[in-house]
């Protein structure tokens, strides 16, 4: 089992940057693939990015490709989401999640059994 805590959200102007962090507890962090999802008010939770347990494979939603970068540091039990060129439509609560699966299963939110509490990202236009 793994517990997840996100941080790094906040208010930023359009075109700005933020880096989200997700700290995991437990000794088996490196066994899990990690994903970032987001949910805006009145909308469904959507996939943002995912990274394999080793960090070798990454996956991105088309809406963030080229602007966001997911990475992980297994020594620090932490996964990151670097968000650049932010847009108003990126405004949402961002969640990190952990999964034992791999590949394109990682874009599906219900493939993740473990979730953080979320961190708010607000982009002003």
Protein backbone atom coordinates (compact mmCIF):
# COMPACT_ATOMS: atom_id res chain seq x y z
CA UNK A 1 0.00 0.00 0.00
CA UNK A 2 1.12 3.55 -0.65
CA UNK A 3 -0.06 6.92 0.62
CA UNK A 4 0.26 9.99 -1.57
CA UNK A 5 0.45 13.70 -0.75
CA UNK A 6 0.46 16.36 -3.46
CA UNK A 7 1.89 19.86 -3.15
CA UNK A 8 2.88 22.78 -5.34
CA UNK A 9 -0.48 23.98 -6.58
CA UNK A 10 -1.47 27.63 -6.57
CA UNK A 11 -2.52 30.63 -8.60
CA UNK A 12 -0.50 31.55 -11.69
CA UNK A 13 -1.00 33.79 -14.69
CA UNK A 14 -1.50 32.32 -18.14
CA UNK A 15 1.85 31.53 -19.70
CA UNK A 16 3.43 30.85 -16.34
CA UNK A 17 4.77 27.67 -14.79
CA UNK A 18 4.20 25.48 -11.76
CA UNK A 19 5.78 22.29 -10.53
CA UNK A 20 3.61 19.81 -8.68
CA UNK A 21 5.12 17.22 -6.38
CA UNK A 22 3.65 14.02 -5.04
CA UNK A 23 5.38 12.43 -2.07
CA UNK A 24 4.72 8.76 -1.43
CA UNK A 25 5.06 6.80 1.76
CA UNK A 26 6.11 3.19 1.89
CA UNK A 27 9.12 1.23 0.76
CA UNK A 28 7.62 0.01 -2.49
CA UNK A 29 7.24 3.30 -4.33
CA UNK A 30 9.54 2.14 -7.13
CA UNK A 31 7.18 -0.76 -7.82
CA UNK A 32 4.37 1.56 -8.89
CA UNK A 33 3.69 3.42 -12.05
CA UNK A 34 2.52 6.94 -11.24
CA UNK A 35 -0.04 9.14 -12.91
CA UNK A 36 -1.40 12.67 -12.74
CA UNK A 37 -5.07 13.36 -13.34
CA UNK A 38 -7.12 16.52 -13.06
CA UNK A 39 -10.71 17.47 -12.52
CA UNK A 40 -12.27 20.83 -13.25
CA UNK A 41 -15.64 21.87 -11.77
CA UNK A 42 -18.50 20.16 -13.55
CA UNK A 43 -16.18 17.96 -15.59
CA UNK A 44 -15.02 14.40 -15.39
CA UNK A 45 -11.61 13.44 -14.09
CA UNK A 46 -9.16 13.34 -16.98
CA UNK A 47 -5.76 11.86 -17.57
CA UNK A 48 -2.82 14.26 -17.71
CA UNK A 49 0.41 12.24 -17.63
CA UNK A 50 1.90 8.97 -16.39
CA UNK A 51 5.33 7.49 -15.86
CA UNK A 52 6.40 3.86 -15.57
CA UNK A 53 7.96 2.48 -12.40
CA UNK A 54 11.47 2.96 -13.79
CA UNK A 55 10.82 6.33 -15.35
CA UNK A 56 11.73 4.99 -18.78
CA UNK A 57 8.26 5.37 -20.27
CA UNK A 58 6.03 8.41 -20.12
CA UNK A 59 2.54 9.10 -21.42
CA UNK A 60 0.77 12.40 -21.97
CA UNK A 61 -2.65 13.68 -22.86
CA UNK A 62 -2.66 15.51 -26.18
CA UNK A 63 -3.82 18.67 -24.42
CA UNK A 64 -0.61 18.91 -22.37
CA UNK A 65 1.95 17.32 -24.66
CA UNK A 66 4.91 19.64 -25.17
CA UNK A 67 3.96 21.79 -22.17
CA UNK A 68 3.98 19.37 -19.21
CA UNK A 69 6.71 16.96 -18.14
CA UNK A 70 6.30 14.10 -15.70
CA UNK A 71 9.31 12.69 -13.87
CA UNK A 72 10.08 10.67 -10.79
CA UNK A 73 12.83 10.29 -8.24
CA UNK A 74 12.62 6.83 -6.71
CA UNK A 75 15.30 7.66 -4.15
CA UNK A 76 13.05 10.45 -2.84
CA UNK A 77 9.75 8.57 -3.31
CA UNK A 78 8.48 11.53 -5.29
CA UNK A 79 6.87 12.13 -8.67
CA UNK A 80 6.77 15.55 -10.29
CA UNK A 81 4.69 17.35 -12.88
CA UNK A 82 6.40 20.35 -14.42
CA UNK A 83 3.77 22.52 -16.05
CA UNK A 84 4.85 25.26 -18.47
CA UNK A 85 2.93 27.62 -20.74
CA UNK A 86 -0.12 27.23 -18.54
CA UNK A 87 -3.53 28.09 -19.94
CA UNK A 88 -6.80 28.99 -18.27
CA UNK A 89 -8.19 25.61 -19.32
CA UNK A 90 -5.54 23.90 -17.18
CA UNK A 91 -7.39 25.13 -14.10
CA UNK A 92 -8.41 22.09 -12.04
CA UNK A 93 -7.69 20.03 -8.98
CA UNK A 94 -4.70 17.86 -9.79
CA UNK A 95 -4.37 14.39 -8.31
CA UNK A 96 -1.51 11.96 -8.30
CA UNK A 97 -2.19 8.24 -8.28
CA UNK A 98 -0.30 4.96 -8.11
CA UNK A 99 -0.85 1.78 -10.07
CA UNK A 100 0.77 -1.63 -10.43
CA UNK A 101 -0.21 -1.72 -14.12
CA UNK A 102 1.79 -0.55 -17.10
CA UNK A 103 1.46 0.70 -20.63
CA UNK A 104 -1.67 2.41 -21.90
CA UNK A 105 -3.71 1.12 -18.95
CA UNK A 106 -2.14 4.07 -17.17
CA UNK A 107 -4.33 6.59 -18.97
CA UNK A 108 -7.46 5.17 -17.34
CA UNK A 109 -8.29 6.59 -13.92
CA UNK A 110 -9.97 3.48 -12.55
CA UNK A 111 -6.76 1.47 -13.06
CA UNK A 112 -5.28 3.33 -10.09
CA UNK A 113 -6.15 2.07 -6.60
CA UNK A 114 -4.22 4.73 -4.68
CA UNK A 115 -4.88 8.48 -4.80
CA UNK A 116 -3.71 11.66 -3.16
CA UNK A 117 -6.06 14.33 -1.82
CA UNK A 118 -5.45 16.71 -4.71
CA UNK A 119 -3.96 20.17 -5.12
CA UNK A 120 -5.68 23.15 -6.73
CA UNK A 121 -4.14 24.79 -9.78
CA UNK A 122 -5.73 28.03 -10.93
CA UNK A 123 -4.56 29.80 -14.08
CA UNK A 124 -5.76 33.34 -14.56
CA UNK A 125 -6.19 34.69 -18.07
